[in-house]
Protein backbone atom coordinates (compact mmCIF):
# COMPACT_ATOMS: atom_id res chain seq x y z
CA MET A 1 -63.59 -47.50 -23.31
CA SER A 2 -64.92 -44.18 -22.00
CA GLY A 3 -66.24 -41.48 -24.33
CA SER A 4 -63.46 -39.08 -23.33
CA SER A 5 -60.81 -41.69 -24.11
CA THR A 6 -62.38 -42.36 -27.51
CA TRP A 7 -62.39 -38.63 -28.24
CA TRP A 8 -58.75 -38.28 -27.20
CA ARG A 9 -57.59 -41.12 -29.46
CA ALA A 10 -59.51 -39.63 -32.40
CA ALA A 11 -58.01 -36.22 -31.74
CA VAL A 12 -54.49 -37.61 -31.62
CA ARG A 13 -54.99 -39.47 -34.90
CA SER A 14 -56.47 -36.37 -36.55
CA LEU A 15 -53.58 -34.22 -35.39
CA ALA A 16 -51.08 -36.79 -36.64
CA VAL A 17 -52.15 -36.19 -40.24
CA LEU A 18 -53.36 -32.58 -40.01
CA VAL A 19 -51.66 -30.54 -42.66
CA MET A 20 -51.56 -26.80 -42.12
CA ALA A 21 -51.19 -24.83 -45.32
CA GLY A 22 -51.09 -21.30 -46.51
CA SER A 23 -49.35 -19.48 -43.63
CA GLY A 24 -46.87 -16.73 -44.41
CA ALA A 25 -44.18 -18.58 -42.46
CA MET A 26 -44.48 -21.50 -44.86
CA ALA A 27 -44.13 -19.37 -48.01
CA HIS A 28 -41.59 -20.71 -50.45
CA ALA A 29 -40.32 -20.22 -53.97
CA THR A 30 -41.49 -22.67 -56.61
CA ALA A 31 -38.94 -24.70 -58.49
CA SER A 32 -39.97 -23.81 -62.04
CA THR A 33 -38.44 -20.72 -63.63
CA ALA A 34 -40.30 -18.43 -66.02
CA ALA A 35 -38.48 -20.14 -68.89
CA ASP A 36 -39.57 -23.56 -67.58
CA CYS A 37 -43.15 -22.38 -67.46
CA ARG A 38 -43.10 -21.05 -71.01
CA ALA A 39 -41.70 -24.38 -72.23
CA ALA A 40 -43.99 -26.61 -70.15
CA GLU A 41 -46.91 -28.38 -71.80
CA PRO A 42 -50.06 -26.88 -70.26
CA VAL A 43 -52.61 -28.97 -68.40
CA PRO A 44 -56.32 -28.45 -69.20
CA TRP A 45 -57.48 -28.02 -65.59
CA GLN A 46 -61.20 -27.75 -64.85
CA ALA A 47 -62.60 -26.19 -61.69
CA VAL A 48 -64.49 -28.62 -59.43
CA ALA A 49 -65.04 -26.48 -56.33
CA PRO A 50 -63.23 -23.52 -54.74
CA GLY A 51 -59.60 -24.66 -54.39
CA VAL A 52 -60.19 -27.98 -56.20
CA TRP A 53 -59.24 -28.69 -59.82
CA VAL A 54 -59.27 -31.79 -61.98
CA TRP A 55 -57.25 -32.93 -65.01
CA LEU A 56 -59.43 -35.32 -66.99
CA PRO A 57 -58.21 -38.01 -69.41
CA PRO A 58 -58.26 -37.10 -73.11
CA GLY A 59 -61.08 -39.57 -73.77
CA ALA A 60 -63.12 -42.42 -72.32
CA GLY A 61 -60.99 -45.23 -73.74
CA ASP A 62 -58.89 -47.91 -72.10
CA VAL A 63 -55.11 -47.70 -71.75
CA SER A 64 -53.44 -47.27 -75.15
CA PRO A 65 -50.39 -45.66 -76.76
CA ALA A 66 -52.64 -42.75 -77.76
CA ASN A 67 -53.43 -41.78 -74.17
CA ALA A 68 -50.12 -42.98 -72.64
CA GLY A 69 -52.06 -44.59 -69.79
CA HIS A 70 -53.93 -41.43 -68.76
CA VAL A 71 -57.37 -42.97 -68.24
CA VAL A 72 -58.36 -41.66 -64.79
CA PRO A 73 -58.65 -38.11 -63.44
CA THR A 74 -55.90 -36.42 -61.47
CA SER A 75 -57.06 -33.78 -59.01
CA VAL A 76 -55.38 -31.10 -56.95
CA VAL A 77 -56.50 -29.36 -53.77
CA LEU A 78 -54.93 -25.94 -53.21
CA GLY A 79 -54.32 -24.06 -49.98
CA GLY A 80 -52.35 -20.88 -50.43
CA ARG A 81 -49.07 -21.90 -52.06
CA ASP A 82 -49.36 -25.55 -51.03
CA ALA A 83 -51.01 -28.34 -53.01
CA LEU A 84 -52.28 -31.84 -52.34
CA VAL A 85 -52.53 -34.14 -55.37
CA ILE A 86 -54.92 -37.10 -55.48
CA ASP A 87 -53.93 -39.91 -57.86
CA PRO A 88 -51.01 -38.31 -59.75
CA GLY A 89 -51.25 -40.55 -62.82
CA PRO A 90 -49.51 -43.29 -64.82
CA SER A 91 -45.91 -42.24 -65.49
CA HIS A 92 -42.89 -40.10 -64.68
CA ARG A 93 -43.58 -37.91 -67.70
CA HIS A 94 -47.20 -37.38 -66.65
CA GLY A 95 -46.07 -36.53 -63.13
CA LEU A 96 -43.53 -33.97 -64.34
CA ARG A 97 -46.18 -32.27 -66.44
CA LEU A 98 -48.43 -32.21 -63.38
CA ARG A 99 -45.68 -30.86 -61.14
CA HIS A 100 -44.70 -28.05 -63.53
CA SER A 101 -48.33 -27.09 -64.16
CA ILE A 102 -49.09 -26.72 -60.45
CA GLU A 103 -45.98 -24.60 -60.00
CA CYS A 104 -46.59 -22.46 -63.08
CA ARG A 105 -50.35 -22.02 -63.17
CA PHE A 106 -51.19 -22.06 -59.47
CA LYS A 107 -47.85 -20.77 -58.12
CA ALA A 108 -47.96 -23.65 -55.64
CA ARG A 109 -45.77 -26.56 -54.71
CA VAL A 110 -46.96 -30.12 -54.21
CA ARG A 111 -46.61 -30.97 -50.54
CA TRP A 112 -48.73 -34.10 -50.34
CA ILE A 113 -49.74 -36.88 -52.74
CA VAL A 114 -52.56 -39.32 -52.04
CA ASN A 115 -52.63 -42.73 -53.72
CA THR A 116 -56.23 -43.95 -53.45
CA HIS A 117 -55.52 -47.53 -54.52
CA ALA A 118 -52.80 -49.71 -55.98
CA HIS A 119 -53.37 -49.47 -59.73
CA SER A 120 -50.60 -48.37 -62.07
CA GLU A 121 -52.56 -45.67 -63.89
CA ASN A 122 -53.16 -43.95 -60.54
CA VAL A 123 -49.82 -44.19 -58.76
CA LEU A 124 -46.80 -44.54 -61.04
CA ALA A 125 -46.49 -40.76 -61.45
CA ASN A 126 -45.19 -40.76 -57.86
CA SER A 127 -41.92 -41.22 -59.74
CA ALA A 128 -41.81 -37.53 -60.69
CA PHE A 129 -41.75 -36.58 -57.01
CA ALA A 130 -39.12 -39.11 -55.89
CA ASP A 131 -36.49 -36.44 -55.30
CA GLN A 132 -38.80 -34.35 -53.14
CA ALA A 133 -40.06 -37.38 -51.23
CA ALA A 134 -36.48 -38.40 -50.51
CA ASN A 135 -35.61 -35.05 -48.94
CA GLY A 136 -38.86 -34.76 -46.98
CA ARG A 137 -40.46 -32.01 -49.07
CA VAL A 138 -43.30 -34.25 -50.26
CA ASP A 139 -45.26 -36.86 -48.33
CA ILE A 140 -46.97 -39.67 -50.23
CA LEU A 141 -50.02 -40.99 -48.37
CA ALA A 142 -52.05 -44.18 -48.78
CA THR A 143 -53.74 -46.90 -46.78
CA ALA A 144 -51.56 -49.70 -45.45
CA ALA A 145 -53.31 -52.12 -47.83
CA THR A 146 -52.56 -49.91 -50.82
CA ARG A 147 -48.89 -49.60 -49.91
CA GLU A 148 -48.65 -53.38 -49.57
CA GLY A 149 -50.47 -53.88 -52.86
CA MET A 150 -48.12 -51.47 -54.62
CA ALA A 151 -45.07 -53.24 -53.21
CA GLN A 152 -46.40 -56.59 -54.43
CA ARG A 153 -47.86 -55.69 -57.82
CA CYS A 154 -46.27 -52.49 -59.10
CA PRO A 155 -43.18 -54.19 -60.64
CA ASP A 156 -45.47 -56.32 -62.82
CA CYS A 157 -47.86 -53.40 -63.39
CA LEU A 158 -45.02 -51.16 -64.55
CA ALA A 159 -43.86 -53.80 -67.01
CA SER A 160 -47.42 -54.37 -68.24
CA LEU A 161 -48.20 -50.68 -68.66
CA THR A 162 -44.90 -50.13 -70.51
CA GLN A 163 -45.80 -52.93 -72.90
CA ARG A 164 -49.24 -51.41 -73.53
CA VAL A 165 -48.27 -47.76 -74.05
CA GLY A 166 -44.65 -47.97 -75.18
CA GLU A 167 -41.27 -47.37 -73.60
CA ALA A 168 -41.13 -43.70 -74.60
CA ALA A 169 -44.29 -42.88 -72.64
CA MET A 170 -42.93 -44.61 -69.54
CA ALA A 171 -39.33 -43.40 -69.76
CA GLY A 172 -37.84 -42.64 -66.37
CA THR A 173 -40.76 -44.15 -64.46
CA ARG A 174 -39.84 -46.02 -61.30
CA ILE A 175 -41.83 -47.27 -58.35
CA VAL A 176 -42.04 -44.87 -55.42
CA LEU A 177 -44.01 -46.21 -52.46
CA PRO A 178 -46.06 -44.16 -50.00
CA ASN A 179 -44.25 -43.05 -46.85
CA ARG A 180 -47.25 -42.19 -44.67
CA THR A 181 -50.31 -44.26 -43.80
CA LEU A 182 -53.91 -43.10 -43.76
CA ALA A 183 -56.75 -44.79 -41.87
CA GLU A 184 -60.44 -44.19 -41.23
CA GLY A 185 -61.02 -41.08 -39.15
CA ASP A 186 -57.92 -39.22 -40.28
CA GLN A 187 -58.34 -35.70 -41.61
CA LEU A 188 -56.34 -33.81 -44.19
CA ARG A 189 -56.43 -30.03 -44.07
CA VAL A 190 -55.27 -27.96 -47.02
CA GLY A 191 -55.90 -24.28 -46.44
CA ALA A 192 -59.58 -23.95 -45.56
CA LEU A 193 -60.52 -27.33 -47.00
CA ARG A 194 -60.80 -30.46 -44.87
CA LEU A 195 -60.86 -33.94 -46.35
CA ARG A 196 -62.03 -36.74 -44.11
CA VAL A 197 -60.79 -40.31 -44.58
CA MET A 198 -63.89 -42.50 -44.61
CA ARG A 199 -64.13 -46.25 -44.16
CA VAL A 200 -61.41 -48.04 -46.14
CA GLU A 201 -63.36 -50.18 -48.59
CA GLN A 202 -62.42 -53.53 -50.15
CA GLY A 203 -64.55 -53.54 -53.28
CA HIS A 204 -62.35 -52.55 -56.22
CA THR A 205 -59.05 -53.41 -54.51
CA GLU A 206 -57.83 -54.53 -51.10
CA GLY A 207 -57.71 -50.95 -49.81
CA ASP A 208 -59.98 -48.40 -51.54
CA LEU A 209 -59.42 -44.98 -50.00
CA VAL A 210 -62.46 -42.69 -49.83
CA LEU A 211 -62.08 -38.97 -49.06
CA TRP A 212 -65.03 -36.75 -48.20
CA ASN A 213 -65.37 -32.98 -48.09
CA PRO A 214 -68.74 -32.26 -46.44
CA ARG A 215 -68.55 -28.51 -47.10
CA HIS A 216 -68.85 -28.98 -50.86
CA ARG A 217 -70.32 -32.49 -50.64
CA LEU A 218 -67.39 -33.62 -52.75
CA LEU A 219 -66.36 -37.27 -52.72
CA TRP A 220 -63.14 -38.87 -53.92
CA ALA A 221 -63.95 -42.54 -54.46
CA GLY A 222 -60.70 -44.00 -55.81
CA GLY A 223 -61.57 -46.76 -58.27
CA LEU A 224 -65.03 -47.53 -56.90
CA VAL A 225 -67.09 -45.54 -59.42
CA TYR A 226 -67.18 -46.06 -63.19
CA GLN A 227 -69.32 -44.91 -66.09
CA GLY A 228 -69.00 -45.96 -69.70
CA ARG A 229 -66.10 -48.31 -68.86
CA VAL A 230 -66.44 -51.82 -67.47
CA PRO A 231 -65.21 -52.00 -63.84
CA GLU A 232 -62.19 -54.12 -63.06
CA LEU A 233 -62.57 -56.96 -60.54
CA ALA A 234 -58.97 -58.20 -60.54
CA GLN A 235 -58.57 -57.51 -56.81
CA GLY A 236 -62.25 -56.79 -56.14
CA ARG A 237 -65.28 -58.49 -54.67
CA VAL A 238 -68.78 -57.93 -56.02
CA ASP A 239 -70.66 -57.95 -52.71
CA HIS A 240 -68.09 -55.76 -50.94
CA TRP A 241 -68.18 -53.33 -53.85
CA LEU A 242 -71.98 -53.10 -53.82
CA ALA A 243 -71.93 -52.47 -50.07
CA ALA A 244 -69.31 -49.74 -50.56
CA LEU A 245 -71.47 -48.03 -53.19
CA ALA A 246 -74.42 -48.01 -50.81
CA ARG A 247 -72.27 -46.22 -48.23
CA LEU A 248 -71.12 -43.70 -50.83
CA GLU A 249 -74.70 -42.99 -51.89
CA ALA A 250 -75.72 -42.49 -48.26
CA LEU A 251 -73.36 -39.49 -48.09
CA LYS A 252 -75.45 -37.79 -50.79
CA PRO A 253 -72.50 -36.26 -52.66
CA ARG A 254 -72.99 -33.54 -55.22
CA GLN A 255 -69.86 -34.55 -57.13
CA VAL A 256 -67.76 -37.69 -57.29
CA LEU A 257 -64.17 -37.94 -58.48
CA SER A 258 -63.21 -41.51 -59.21
CA THR A 259 -62.39 -43.15 -62.56
CA VAL A 260 -64.74 -40.44 -63.87
CA TRP A 261 -65.87 -37.01 -62.73
CA SER A 262 -69.60 -37.35 -62.10
CA LYS A 263 -71.78 -34.38 -61.18
CA GLY A 264 -75.30 -34.31 -59.79
CA SER A 265 -77.81 -31.57 -60.46
CA GLN A 266 -80.96 -30.22 -58.82
CA GLY A 267 -81.18 -32.93 -56.21
CA VAL A 268 -80.23 -35.71 -58.65
CA PRO A 269 -77.16 -37.62 -57.39
CA PRO A 270 -74.07 -38.12 -59.57
CA PRO A 271 -75.18 -40.76 -62.10
CA ALA A 272 -71.92 -42.74 -62.21
CA VAL A 273 -72.53 -44.28 -58.78
CA ALA A 274 -75.82 -45.79 -59.95
CA ALA A 275 -74.27 -46.86 -63.26
CA THR A 276 -71.54 -48.80 -61.44
CA ARG A 277 -74.08 -50.36 -59.11
CA ASP A 278 -76.26 -51.40 -62.06
CA TYR A 279 -73.38 -53.21 -63.76
CA LEU A 280 -72.27 -55.02 -60.60
CA GLN A 281 -75.82 -55.91 -59.56
CA SER A 282 -76.54 -57.24 -63.05
CA LEU A 283 -73.32 -59.25 -62.99
CA ARG A 284 -74.27 -60.71 -59.61
CA GLU A 285 -77.82 -61.62 -60.56
CA ARG A 286 -76.96 -63.07 -63.95
CA THR A 287 -74.08 -65.14 -62.51
CA LEU A 288 -76.36 -66.68 -59.89
CA GLN A 289 -78.99 -67.31 -62.57
CA ALA A 290 -76.40 -69.10 -64.71
CA MET A 291 -75.59 -71.34 -61.75
CA ASP A 292 -79.29 -72.10 -61.34
CA GLU A 293 -79.37 -73.10 -65.00
CA GLY A 294 -76.47 -75.54 -64.57
CA ALA A 295 -73.86 -73.50 -66.44
CA GLN A 296 -70.14 -73.95 -65.83
CA PRO A 297 -67.71 -71.14 -64.85
CA GLN A 298 -66.01 -71.15 -68.25
CA GLU A 299 -69.33 -70.52 -70.04
CA ILE A 300 -69.00 -66.77 -69.78
CA ASP A 301 -71.48 -66.22 -72.62
CA ARG A 302 -74.18 -67.40 -70.21
CA VAL A 303 -73.58 -64.20 -68.25
CA ASN A 304 -73.97 -61.83 -71.16
CA LEU A 305 -74.97 -58.29 -70.14
CA SER A 306 -76.24 -56.71 -73.33
CA ALA A 307 -77.07 -53.41 -71.61
CA PHE A 308 -73.36 -52.84 -71.01
CA GLN A 309 -71.84 -54.18 -74.22
CA HIS A 310 -71.26 -50.63 -75.47
CA TRP A 311 -69.12 -49.80 -72.42
CA GLU A 312 -65.40 -49.48 -73.06
CA GLY A 313 -63.52 -52.65 -72.10
CA TYR A 314 -66.53 -54.99 -72.22
CA ALA A 315 -64.81 -57.49 -74.53
CA ALA A 316 -61.53 -57.28 -72.61
CA ARG A 317 -62.78 -57.38 -69.00
CA HIS A 318 -66.31 -58.66 -68.69
CA GLY A 319 -65.39 -62.33 -69.14
CA PHE A 320 -62.72 -62.03 -66.48
CA ASN A 321 -65.22 -60.30 -64.19
CA VAL A 322 -67.63 -63.20 -64.69
CA GLN A 323 -65.01 -65.69 -63.55
CA ARG A 324 -64.11 -63.57 -60.51
CA ALA A 325 -67.77 -63.17 -59.62
CA TRP A 326 -68.39 -66.89 -60.09
CA ARG A 327 -65.62 -67.78 -57.68
CA GLU A 328 -66.96 -65.35 -55.09
CA LEU A 329 -70.64 -66.18 -55.48
CA GLU A 330 -70.51 -69.97 -55.77
CA PRO A 331 -70.56 -70.41 -51.95
CA VAL A 332 -73.49 -67.97 -51.82
CA TRP A 333 -75.35 -70.00 -54.42
CA MET A 334 -74.60 -73.28 -52.63
CA ASP A 335 -75.90 -71.91 -49.33
CA ARG A 336 -79.01 -70.63 -51.07
CA ALA A 337 -79.58 -73.94 -52.84
CA ALA A 338 -78.97 -76.13 -49.79
CA PRO A 339 -82.16 -77.80 -48.50
CA THR A 340 -83.43 -76.53 -45.18
CA LYS A 341 -83.66 -78.99 -42.32
């Protein structure tokens, strides 16, 4: 294929998802009245970069009734009176609080929602925007793999999350699937900010969306980056995840928004990327060592990682991660152990 043809195809794809925000012709009234705003529960937004804000979880714990499933950050990108939300959260109630806060505090209306990957605590708040998605006022964007994963797993995930946090916290929540597809090379433009869709990774889930803003060196990494909580390998692969982290580090971000908000300083990269890599690399090495020692897959204590025992979720998830890693790495170990001819 010629270079001009390649350029043309990239331009067409970019234009297909280009979102123009902030023009006077697109000005609109927000839905919340002054009375609504006075009654609404405020959101403790923190500034990330010009036009970018984040709503952090109340603590570093796992899903519980106390946090109502809010265990990952929700962020918003503002352009004039338009807003793009990335990972809206775990429930209808959470999404309504988000929606009212954006209207009341920022005098903006959500026009686009990005689901970075198919986990309930990230995507079920789509429910609060179902009415606007139905009438074309909101687009919900995700990779094709994430949409498929949501369609397959979200019914069970909704039931599971409801059981863990209680029916009151999940009242009104229903599954709302993305209606637009993102792929590598696409660009999202919100006001003056451009977010580039990077390679779709397959480390944490089957379709981990990565967004990159080179101007502020700001990286949205979906569920690929953890710190202080044990990563979840339910749909993940250790080697793919480690390769994805290497690509993220190569971008040299100043800040990462993922399951945590991690900030670098004075040339030091955001520490959460290295922390995630250290856990996964330790899991990989210790699993292969256990195989060398003749251990069996069910002997998860043979893959004890004492350096991470203080991380949230170690008791609940590490043993499962060992079994997932064992299944993935056993062919690697067999190839390594096979005698050379």
